[in-house]
Amino acid sequence: MVDFMLAAVVSAFLNIGLLGVAIGTYVQNLRVIRSYYTSGLVLVAFLLMIQNIVIVLFWFTLYMDDKALMMSADMVAHYLFSINVIQTIGLSVLVWITRR
């Protein structure tokens, strides 16, 4: 059986890395191109990074606190995994296009 919560957290870490690359690229562009669009890209990528960090903290909190909470989290883990994998695919495409 696949541990969907662990896979979701691995995907969240991958998303954090991809967002780090995107933010780095956008900040470099922001230094050259001062525009609301570039600033918006930095802000959106930063907010998505916060979301993924919260997912990782959520996982650690649930799995370290209480067995009943862990069982509740396992019931929805496959949904979180699906969302994170879709986000990973989207961010991979975004970073690939951004870095070209």
PDB file of N, CA and C in Angstrom:
ATOM      1  N   MET A   1       0.837  -1.185   0.000  1.00  0.00           N
ATOM      2  CA  MET A   1       0.000   0.000   0.000  1.00  0.00           C
ATOM      3  C   MET A   1       0.881   1.247   0.000  1.00  0.00           C
ATOM      4  N   VAL A   2       0.465   2.217  -0.777  1.00  0.00           N
ATOM      5  CA  VAL A   2       1.209   3.463  -0.883  1.00  0.00           C
ATOM      6  C   VAL A   2       0.799   4.379   0.259  1.00  0.00           C
ATOM      7  N   ASP A   3       1.775   4.950   0.910  1.00  0.00           N
ATOM      8  CA  ASP A   3       1.483   5.937   1.948  1.00  0.00           C
ATOM      9  C   ASP A   3       1.306   7.289   1.258  1.00  0.00           C
ATOM     10  N   PHE A   4       0.055   7.634   1.009  1.00  0.00           N
ATOM     11  CA  PHE A   4      -0.242   8.839   0.250  1.00  0.00           C
ATOM     12  C   PHE A   4       0.210  10.107   0.960  1.00  0.00           C
ATOM     13  N   MET A   5       0.143  10.139   2.279  1.00  0.00           N
ATOM     14  CA  MET A   5       0.544  11.341   3.002  1.00  0.00           C
ATOM     15  C   MET A   5       2.047  11.577   2.853  1.00  0.00           C
ATOM     16  N   LEU A   6       2.836  10.523   2.949  1.00  0.00           N
ATOM     17  CA  LEU A   6       4.279  10.661   2.763  1.00  0.00           C
ATOM     18  C   LEU A   6       4.586  11.102   1.330  1.00  0.00           C
ATOM     19  N   ALA A   7       3.893  10.521   0.364  1.00  0.00           N
ATOM     20  CA  ALA A   7       4.092  10.908  -1.031  1.00  0.00           C
ATOM     21  C   ALA A   7       3.674  12.365  -1.255  1.00  0.00           C
ATOM     22  N   ALA A   8       2.616  12.800  -0.586  1.00  0.00           N
ATOM     23  CA  ALA A   8       2.184  14.195  -0.704  1.00  0.00           C
ATOM     24  C   ALA A   8       3.239  15.142  -0.143  1.00  0.00           C
ATOM     25  N   VAL A   9       3.872  14.747   0.947  1.00  0.00           N
ATOM     26  CA  VAL A   9       4.910  15.586   1.551  1.00  0.00           C
ATOM     27  C   VAL A   9       6.149  15.630   0.651  1.00  0.00           C
ATOM     28  N   VAL A  10       6.509  14.511   0.056  1.00  0.00           N
ATOM     29  CA  VAL A  10       7.639  14.490  -0.883  1.00  0.00           C
ATOM     30  C   VAL A  10       7.336  15.409  -2.057  1.00  0.00           C
ATOM     31  N   SER A  11       6.113  15.346  -2.548  1.00  0.00           N
ATOM     32  CA  SER A  11       5.705  16.234  -3.633  1.00  0.00           C
ATOM     33  C   SER A  11       5.736  17.691  -3.197  1.00  0.00           C
ATOM     34  N   ALA A  12       5.344  17.965  -1.956  1.00  0.00           N
ATOM     35  CA  ALA A  12       5.390  19.342  -1.440  1.00  0.00           C
ATOM     36  C   ALA A  12       6.829  19.846  -1.374  1.00  0.00           C
ATOM     37  N   PHE A  13       7.757  18.990  -0.948  1.00  0.00           N
ATOM     38  CA  PHE A  13       9.171  19.386  -0.936  1.00  0.00           C
ATOM     39  C   PHE A  13       9.671  19.669  -2.355  1.00  0.00           C
ATOM     40  N   LEU A  14       9.249  18.847  -3.311  1.00  0.00           N
ATOM     41  CA  LEU A  14       9.620  19.071  -4.705  1.00  0.00           C
ATOM     42  C   LEU A  14       9.040  20.400  -5.191  1.00  0.00           C
ATOM     43  N   ASN A  15       7.804  20.692  -4.806  1.00  0.00           N
ATOM     44  CA  ASN A  15       7.180  21.968  -5.171  1.00  0.00           C
ATOM     45  C   ASN A  15       7.942  23.152  -4.577  1.00  0.00           C
ATOM     46  N   ILE A  16       8.396  23.004  -3.342  1.00  0.00           N
ATOM     47  CA  ILE A  16       9.169  24.073  -2.706  1.00  0.00           C
ATOM     48  C   ILE A  16      10.453  24.326  -3.493  1.00  0.00           C
ATOM     49  N   GLY A  17      11.114  23.274  -3.929  1.00  0.00           N
ATOM     50  CA  GLY A  17      12.320  23.432  -4.738  1.00  0.00           C
ATOM     51  C   GLY A  17      12.034  24.112  -6.068  1.00  0.00           C
ATOM     52  N   LEU A  18      10.972  23.663  -6.750  1.00  0.00           N
ATOM     53  CA  LEU A  18      10.601  24.277  -8.024  1.00  0.00           C
ATOM     54  C   LEU A  18      10.237  25.749  -7.845  1.00  0.00           C
ATOM     55  N   LEU A  19       9.526  26.045  -6.781  1.00  0.00           N
ATOM     56  CA  LEU A  19       9.164  27.436  -6.515  1.00  0.00           C
ATOM     57  C   LEU A  19      10.383  28.282  -6.156  1.00  0.00           C
ATOM     58  N   GLY A  20      11.363  27.677  -5.500  1.00  0.00           N
ATOM     59  CA  GLY A  20      12.610  28.389  -5.223  1.00  0.00           C
ATOM     60  C   GLY A  20      13.314  28.801  -6.508  1.00  0.00           C
ATOM     61  N   VAL A  21      13.342  27.884  -7.476  1.00  0.00           N
ATOM     62  CA  VAL A  21      13.944  28.201  -8.785  1.00  0.00           C
ATOM     63  C   VAL A  21      13.145  29.306  -9.474  1.00  0.00           C
ATOM     64  N   ALA A  22      11.819  29.182  -9.443  1.00  0.00           N
ATOM     65  CA  ALA A  22      10.972  30.189 -10.088  1.00  0.00           C
ATOM     66  C   ALA A  22      11.144  31.554  -9.427  1.00  0.00           C
ATOM     67  N   ILE A  23      11.139  31.588  -8.108  1.00  0.00           N
ATOM     68  CA  ILE A  23      11.296  32.867  -7.402  1.00  0.00           C
ATOM     69  C   ILE A  23      12.658  33.481  -7.719  1.00  0.00           C
ATOM     70  N   GLY A  24      13.697  32.673  -7.726  1.00  0.00           N
ATOM     71  CA  GLY A  24      15.028  33.180  -8.075  1.00  0.00           C
ATOM     72  C   GLY A  24      15.056  33.809  -9.457  1.00  0.00           C
ATOM     73  N   THR A  25      14.429  33.142 -10.409  1.00  0.00           N
ATOM     74  CA  THR A  25      14.376  33.666 -11.779  1.00  0.00           C
ATOM     75  C   THR A  25      13.558  34.949 -11.839  1.00  0.00           C
ATOM     76  N   TYR A  26      12.404  34.951 -11.144  1.00  0.00           N
ATOM     77  CA  TYR A  26      11.550  36.140 -11.170  1.00  0.00           C
ATOM     78  C   TYR A  26      12.215  37.336 -10.491  1.00  0.00           C
ATOM     79  N   VAL A  27      12.959  37.093  -9.420  1.00  0.00           N
ATOM     80  CA  VAL A  27      13.654  38.187  -8.743  1.00  0.00           C
ATOM     81  C   VAL A  27      14.747  38.749  -9.646  1.00  0.00           C
ATOM     82  N   GLN A  28      15.455  37.877 -10.366  1.00  0.00           N
ATOM     83  CA  GLN A  28      16.450  38.361 -11.335  1.00  0.00           C
ATOM     84  C   GLN A  28      15.784  39.226 -12.395  1.00  0.00           C
ATOM     85  N   ASN A  29      14.626  38.773 -12.882  1.00  0.00           N
ATOM     86  CA  ASN A  29      13.897  39.557 -13.876  1.00  0.00           C
ATOM     87  C   ASN A  29      13.376  40.865 -13.289  1.00  0.00           C
ATOM     88  N   LEU A  30      12.982  40.836 -12.023  1.00  0.00           N
ATOM     89  CA  LEU A  30      12.457  42.033 -11.361  1.00  0.00           C
ATOM     90  C   LEU A  30      13.524  43.120 -11.269  1.00  0.00           C
ATOM     91  N   ARG A  31      14.769  42.719 -11.105  1.00  0.00           N
ATOM     92  CA  ARG A  31      15.859  43.703 -11.043  1.00  0.00           C
ATOM     93  C   ARG A  31      16.040  44.423 -12.376  1.00  0.00           C
ATOM     94  N   VAL A  32      15.738  43.713 -13.471  1.00  0.00           N
ATOM     95  CA  VAL A  32      15.906  44.293 -14.807  1.00  0.00           C
ATOM     96  C   VAL A  32      14.603  44.938 -15.282  1.00  0.00           C
ATOM     97  N   ILE A  33      13.506  44.226 -15.080  1.00  0.00           N
ATOM     98  CA  ILE A  33      12.207  44.672 -15.578  1.00  0.00           C
ATOM     99  C   ILE A  33      11.328  45.037 -14.389  1.00  0.00           C
ATOM    100  N   ARG A  34      11.249  46.297 -14.090  1.00  0.00           N
ATOM    101  CA  ARG A  34      10.408  46.758 -12.981  1.00  0.00           C
ATOM    102  C   ARG A  34       8.974  46.896 -13.494  1.00  0.00           C
ATOM    103  N   SER A  35       8.152  45.900 -13.182  1.00  0.00           N
ATOM    104  CA  SER A  35       6.749  45.977 -13.596  1.00  0.00           C
ATOM    105  C   SER A  35       5.874  45.289 -12.563  1.00  0.00           C
ATOM    106  N   TYR A  36       4.582  45.632 -12.604  1.00  0.00           N
ATOM    107  CA  TYR A  36       3.634  44.998 -11.699  1.00  0.00           C
ATOM    108  C   TYR A  36       3.520  43.502 -11.996  1.00  0.00           C
ATOM    109  N   TYR A  37       3.626  43.144 -13.256  1.00  0.00           N
ATOM    110  CA  TYR A  37       3.522  41.736 -13.657  1.00  0.00           C
ATOM    111  C   TYR A  37       4.632  40.901 -13.018  1.00  0.00           C
ATOM    112  N   THR A  38       5.855  41.383 -13.115  1.00  0.00           N
ATOM    113  CA  THR A  38       6.989  40.660 -12.531  1.00  0.00           C
ATOM    114  C   THR A  38       6.867  40.606 -11.011  1.00  0.00           C
ATOM    115  N   SER A  39       6.453  41.701 -10.405  1.00  0.00           N
ATOM    116  CA  SER A  39       6.235  41.712  -8.953  1.00  0.00           C
ATOM    117  C   SER A  39       5.137  40.718  -8.573  1.00  0.00           C
ATOM    118  N   GLY A  40       4.094  40.655  -9.387  1.00  0.00           N
ATOM    119  CA  GLY A  40       3.005  39.713  -9.141  1.00  0.00           C
ATOM    120  C   GLY A  40       3.460  38.266  -9.234  1.00  0.00           C
ATOM    121  N   LEU A  41       4.345  37.970 -10.181  1.00  0.00           N
ATOM    122  CA  LEU A  41       4.886  36.620 -10.306  1.00  0.00           C
ATOM    123  C   LEU A  41       5.662  36.220  -9.048  1.00  0.00           C
ATOM    124  N   VAL A  42       6.454  37.144  -8.541  1.00  0.00           N
ATOM    125  CA  VAL A  42       7.209  36.867  -7.308  1.00  0.00           C
ATOM    126  C   VAL A  42       6.248  36.616  -6.154  1.00  0.00           C
ATOM    127  N   LEU A  43       5.225  37.449  -6.031  1.00  0.00           N
ATOM    128  CA  LEU A  43       4.261  37.315  -4.942  1.00  0.00           C
ATOM    129  C   LEU A  43       3.495  35.987  -5.026  1.00  0.00           C
ATOM    130  N   VAL A  44       2.999  35.639  -6.206  1.00  0.00           N
ATOM    131  CA  VAL A  44       2.241  34.396  -6.358  1.00  0.00           C
ATOM    132  C   VAL A  44       3.126  33.191  -6.056  1.00  0.00           C
ATOM    133  N   ALA A  45       4.339  33.179  -6.574  1.00  0.00           N
ATOM    134  CA  ALA A  45       5.246  32.054  -6.316  1.00  0.00           C
ATOM    135  C   ALA A  45       5.571  31.962  -4.825  1.00  0.00           C
ATOM    136  N   PHE A  46       5.757  33.099  -4.172  1.00  0.00           N
ATOM    137  CA  PHE A  46       6.038  33.115  -2.737  1.00  0.00           C
ATOM    138  C   PHE A  46       4.854  32.563  -1.936  1.00  0.00           C
ATOM    139  N   LEU A  47       3.639  32.954  -2.316  1.00  0.00           N
ATOM    140  CA  LEU A  47       2.447  32.454  -1.624  1.00  0.00           C
ATOM    141  C   LEU A  47       2.266  30.941  -1.832  1.00  0.00           C
ATOM    142  N   LEU A  48       2.547  30.475  -3.029  1.00  0.00           N
ATOM    143  CA  LEU A  48       2.495  29.031  -3.270  1.00  0.00           C
ATOM    144  C   LEU A  48       3.544  28.295  -2.443  1.00  0.00           C
ATOM    145  N   MET A  49       4.698  28.915  -2.257  1.00  0.00           N
ATOM    146  CA  MET A  49       5.726  28.298  -1.423  1.00  0.00           C
ATOM    147  C   MET A  49       5.252  28.210   0.024  1.00  0.00           C
ATOM    148  N   ILE A  50       4.616  29.266   0.512  1.00  0.00           N
ATOM    149  CA  ILE A  50       4.074  29.230   1.877  1.00  0.00           C
ATOM    150  C   ILE A  50       3.048  28.109   2.003  1.00  0.00           C
ATOM    151  N   GLN A  51       2.201  27.942   0.997  1.00  0.00           N
ATOM    152  CA  GLN A  51       1.211  26.874   1.023  1.00  0.00           C
ATOM    153  C   GLN A  51       1.877  25.503   1.162  1.00  0.00           C
ATOM    154  N   ASN A  52       2.927  25.267   0.416  1.00  0.00           N
ATOM    155  CA  ASN A  52       3.608  23.980   0.477  1.00  0.00           C
ATOM    156  C   ASN A  52       4.342  23.779   1.790  1.00  0.00           C
ATOM    157  N   ILE A  53       4.874  24.844   2.355  1.00  0.00           N
ATOM    158  CA  ILE A  53       5.505  24.741   3.669  1.00  0.00           C
ATOM    159  C   ILE A  53       4.458  24.400   4.727  1.00  0.00           C
ATOM    160  N   VAL A  54       3.268  24.996   4.612  1.00  0.00           N
ATOM    161  CA  VAL A  54       2.183  24.686   5.544  1.00  0.00           C
ATOM    162  C   VAL A  54       1.769  23.218   5.418  1.00  0.00           C
ATOM    163  N   ILE A  55       1.748  22.684   4.212  1.00  0.00           N
ATOM    164  CA  ILE A  55       1.414  21.268   4.015  1.00  0.00           C
ATOM    165  C   ILE A  55       2.409  20.386   4.753  1.00  0.00           C
ATOM    166  N   VAL A  56       3.694  20.704   4.651  1.00  0.00           N
ATOM    167  CA  VAL A  56       4.719  19.909   5.338  1.00  0.00           C
ATOM    168  C   VAL A  56       4.550  20.031   6.853  1.00  0.00           C
ATOM    169  N   LEU A  57       4.336  21.239   7.346  1.00  0.00           N
ATOM    170  CA  LEU A  57       4.127  21.431   8.790  1.00  0.00           C
ATOM    171  C   LEU A  57       2.859  20.731   9.264  1.00  0.00           C
ATOM    172  N   PHE A  58       1.818  20.763   8.456  1.00  0.00           N
ATOM    173  CA  PHE A  58       0.569  20.070   8.762  1.00  0.00           C
ATOM    174  C   PHE A  58       0.820  18.578   8.922  1.00  0.00           C
ATOM    175  N   TRP A  59       1.581  18.023   8.023  1.00  0.00           N
ATOM    176  CA  TRP A  59       1.886  16.596   8.074  1.00  0.00           C
ATOM    177  C   TRP A  59       2.652  16.255   9.352  1.00  0.00           C
ATOM    178  N   PHE A  60       3.698  17.016   9.648  1.00  0.00           N
ATOM    179  CA  PHE A  60       4.481  16.744  10.855  1.00  0.00           C
ATOM    180  C   PHE A  60       3.627  16.889  12.116  1.00  0.00           C
ATOM    181  N   THR A  61       2.773  17.914  12.152  1.00  0.00           N
ATOM    182  CA  THR A  61       1.922  18.133  13.320  1.00  0.00           C
ATOM    183  C   THR A  61       0.952  16.973  13.522  1.00  0.00           C
ATOM    184  N   LEU A  62       0.295  16.572  12.450  1.00  0.00           N
ATOM    185  CA  LEU A  62      -0.686  15.486  12.574  1.00  0.00           C
ATOM    186  C   LEU A  62      -0.046  14.162  12.954  1.00  0.00           C
ATOM    187  N   TYR A  63       1.110  13.885  12.385  1.00  0.00           N
ATOM    188  CA  TYR A  63       1.727  12.588  12.630  1.00  0.00           C
ATOM    189  C   TYR A  63       2.481  12.525  13.953  1.00  0.00           C
ATOM    190  N   MET A  64       2.760  13.652  14.547  1.00  0.00           N
ATOM    191  CA  MET A  64       3.499  13.638  15.803  1.00  0.00           C
ATOM    192  C   MET A  64       2.594  13.810  17.023  1.00  0.00           C
ATOM    193  N   ASP A  65       1.391  14.350  16.828  1.00  0.00           N
ATOM    194  CA  ASP A  65       0.532  14.677  17.967  1.00  0.00           C
ATOM    195  C   ASP A  65      -0.300  13.506  18.484  1.00  0.00           C
ATOM    196  N   ASP A  66      -1.115  12.934  17.618  1.00  0.00           N
ATOM    197  CA  ASP A  66      -2.124  12.013  18.116  1.00  0.00           C
ATOM    198  C   ASP A  66      -2.436  10.960  17.056  1.00  0.00           C
ATOM    199  N   LYS A  67      -2.627   9.734  17.494  1.00  0.00           N
ATOM    200  CA  LYS A  67      -2.934   8.645  16.581  1.00  0.00           C
ATOM    201  C   LYS A  67      -4.298   8.838  15.911  1.00  0.00           C
ATOM    202  N   ALA A  68      -5.265   9.387  16.632  1.00  0.00           N
ATOM    203  CA  ALA A  68      -6.588   9.634  16.051  1.00  0.00           C
ATOM    204  C   ALA A  68      -6.498  10.680  14.939  1.00  0.00           C
ATOM    205  N   LEU A  69      -5.714  11.724  15.159  1.00  0.00           N
ATOM    206  CA  LEU A  69      -5.513  12.730  14.113  1.00  0.00           C
ATOM    207  C   LEU A  69      -4.813  12.125  12.902  1.00  0.00           C
ATOM    208  N   MET A  70      -3.852  11.248  13.151  1.00  0.00           N
ATOM    209  CA  MET A  70      -3.132  10.597  12.066  1.00  0.00           C
ATOM    210  C   MET A  70      -4.089   9.766  11.210  1.00  0.00           C
ATOM    211  N   MET A  71      -5.008   9.069  11.848  1.00  0.00           N
ATOM    212  CA  MET A  71      -5.968   8.263  11.096  1.00  0.00           C
ATOM    213  C   MET A  71      -6.902   9.150  10.274  1.00  0.00           C
ATOM    214  N   SER A  72      -7.287  10.284  10.827  1.00  0.00           N
ATOM    215  CA  SER A  72      -8.132  11.228  10.081  1.00  0.00           C
ATOM    216  C   SER A  72      -7.382  11.775   8.876  1.00  0.00           C
ATOM    217  N   ALA A  73      -6.121  12.096   9.057  1.00  0.00           N
ATOM    218  CA  ALA A  73      -5.315  12.615   7.955  1.00  0.00           C
ATOM    219  C   ALA A  73      -5.136  11.561   6.873  1.00  0.00           C
ATOM    220  N   ASP A  74      -4.984  10.314   7.265  1.00  0.00           N
ATOM    221  CA  ASP A  74      -4.830   9.243   6.280  1.00  0.00           C
ATOM    222  C   ASP A  74      -6.070   9.078   5.404  1.00  0.00           C
ATOM    223  N   MET A  75      -7.229   9.431   5.943  1.00  0.00           N
ATOM    224  CA  MET A  75      -8.471   9.299   5.181  1.00  0.00           C
ATOM    225  C   MET A  75      -8.527  10.276   4.008  1.00  0.00           C
ATOM    226  N   VAL A  76      -7.877  11.418   4.119  1.00  0.00           N
ATOM    227  CA  VAL A  76      -7.904  12.417   3.048  1.00  0.00           C
ATOM    228  C   VAL A  76      -6.551  12.546   2.343  1.00  0.00           C
ATOM    229  N   ALA A  77      -5.617  11.690   2.683  1.00  0.00           N
ATOM    230  CA  ALA A  77      -4.255  11.814   2.155  1.00  0.00           C
ATOM    231  C   ALA A  77      -4.208  11.663   0.639  1.00  0.00           C
ATOM    232  N   HIS A  78      -5.032  10.803   0.080  1.00  0.00           N
ATOM    233  CA  HIS A  78      -4.982  10.610  -1.373  1.00  0.00           C
ATOM    234  C   HIS A  78      -5.449  11.862  -2.118  1.00  0.00           C
ATOM    235  N   TYR A  79      -6.339  12.649  -1.502  1.00  0.00           N
ATOM    236  CA  TYR A  79      -6.746  13.907  -2.127  1.00  0.00           C
ATOM    237  C   TYR A  79      -5.594  14.919  -2.097  1.00  0.00           C
ATOM    238  N   LEU A  80      -4.936  15.025  -0.976  1.00  0.00           N
ATOM    239  CA  LEU A  80      -3.798  15.928  -0.845  1.00  0.00           C
ATOM    240  C   LEU A  80      -2.681  15.518  -1.802  1.00  0.00           C
ATOM    241  N   PHE A  81      -2.459  14.217  -1.915  1.00  0.00           N
ATOM    242  CA  PHE A  81      -1.448  13.718  -2.845  1.00  0.00           C
ATOM    243  C   PHE A  81      -1.795  14.116  -4.280  1.00  0.00           C
ATOM    244  N   SER A  82      -3.042  13.937  -4.673  1.00  0.00           N
ATOM    245  CA  SER A  82      -3.458  14.282  -6.034  1.00  0.00           C
ATOM    246  C   SER A  82      -3.252  15.766  -6.320  1.00  0.00           C
ATOM    247  N   ILE A  83      -3.651  16.593  -5.374  1.00  0.00           N
ATOM    248  CA  ILE A  83      -3.479  18.039  -5.539  1.00  0.00           C
ATOM    249  C   ILE A  83      -2.002  18.395  -5.676  1.00  0.00           C
ATOM    250  N   ASN A  84      -1.157  17.812  -4.843  1.00  0.00           N
ATOM    251  CA  ASN A  84       0.278  18.127  -4.878  1.00  0.00           C
ATOM    252  C   ASN A  84       0.927  17.649  -6.163  1.00  0.00           C
ATOM    253  N   VAL A  85       0.544  16.478  -6.654  1.00  0.00           N
ATOM    254  CA  VAL A  85       1.142  15.970  -7.902  1.00  0.00           C
ATOM    255  C   VAL A  85       0.734  16.854  -9.078  1.00  0.00           C
ATOM    256  N   ILE A  86      -0.529  17.259  -9.117  1.00  0.00           N
ATOM    257  CA  ILE A  86      -0.977  18.162 -10.177  1.00  0.00           C
ATOM    258  C   ILE A  86      -0.219  19.483 -10.093  1.00  0.00           C
ATOM    259  N   GLN A  87      -0.011  19.986  -8.887  1.00  0.00           N
ATOM    260  CA  GLN A  87       0.745  21.224  -8.709  1.00  0.00           C
ATOM    261  C   GLN A  87       2.202  21.031  -9.134  1.00  0.00           C
ATOM    262  N   THR A  88       2.782  19.883  -8.829  1.00  0.00           N
ATOM    263  CA  THR A  88       4.164  19.603  -9.238  1.00  0.00           C
ATOM    264  C   THR A  88       4.294  19.616 -10.751  1.00  0.00           C
ATOM    265  N   ILE A  89       3.354  19.000 -11.436  1.00  0.00           N
ATOM    266  CA  ILE A  89       3.383  18.981 -12.906  1.00  0.00           C
ATOM    267  C   ILE A  89       3.259  20.405 -13.449  1.00  0.00           C
ATOM    268  N   GLY A  90       2.306  21.166 -12.905  1.00  0.00           N
ATOM    269  CA  GLY A  90       2.129  22.541 -13.355  1.00  0.00           C
ATOM    270  C   GLY A  90       3.348  23.413 -13.095  1.00  0.00           C
ATOM    271  N   LEU A  91       3.938  23.271 -11.911  1.00  0.00           N
ATOM    272  CA  LEU A  91       5.134  24.059 -11.596  1.00  0.00           C
ATOM    273  C   LEU A  91       6.326  23.647 -12.443  1.00  0.00           C
ATOM    274  N   SER A  92       6.427  22.367 -12.757  1.00  0.00           N
ATOM    275  CA  SER A  92       7.511  21.897 -13.618  1.00  0.00           C
ATOM    276  C   SER A  92       7.414  22.545 -14.994  1.00  0.00           C
ATOM    277  N   VAL A  93       6.210  22.595 -15.537  1.00  0.00           N
ATOM    278  CA  VAL A  93       6.005  23.248 -16.831  1.00  0.00           C
ATOM    279  C   VAL A  93       6.307  24.741 -16.726  1.00  0.00           C
ATOM    280  N   LEU A  94       5.843  25.373 -15.657  1.00  0.00           N
ATOM    281  CA  LEU A  94       6.084  26.804 -15.454  1.00  0.00           C
ATOM    282  C   LEU A  94       7.577  27.111 -15.353  1.00  0.00           C
ATOM    283  N   VAL A  95       8.309  26.327 -14.573  1.00  0.00           N
ATOM    284  CA  VAL A  95       9.751  26.552 -14.434  1.00  0.00           C
ATOM    285  C   VAL A  95      10.468  26.288 -15.753  1.00  0.00           C
ATOM    286  N   TRP A  96      10.046  25.261 -16.461  1.00  0.00           N
ATOM    287  CA  TRP A  96      10.670  24.947 -17.760  1.00  0.00           C
ATOM    288  C   TRP A  96      10.480  26.100 -18.731  1.00  0.00           C
ATOM    289  N   ILE A  97       9.251  26.637 -18.802  1.00  0.00           N
ATOM    290  CA  ILE A  97       8.979  27.764 -19.701  1.00  0.00           C
ATOM    291  C   ILE A  97       9.722  29.021 -19.231  1.00  0.00           C
ATOM    292  N   THR A  98       9.741  29.253 -17.943  1.00  0.00           N
ATOM    293  CA  THR A  98      10.395  30.438 -17.386  1.00  0.00           C
ATOM    294  C   THR A  98      11.886  30.435 -17.651  1.00  0.00           C
ATOM    295  N   ARG A  99      12.521  29.281 -17.538  1.00  0.00           N
ATOM    296  CA  ARG A  99      13.981  29.193 -17.683  1.00  0.00           C
ATOM    297  C   ARG A  99      14.433  29.181 -19.136  1.00  0.00           C
ATOM    298  N   ARG A 100      13.531  29.025 -20.083  1.00  0.00           N
ATOM    299  CA  ARG A 100      13.922  28.988 -21.508  1.00  0.00           C
ATOM    300  C   ARG A 100      14.350  30.332 -22.006  1.00  0.00           C
TER     301      ARG A 100
END
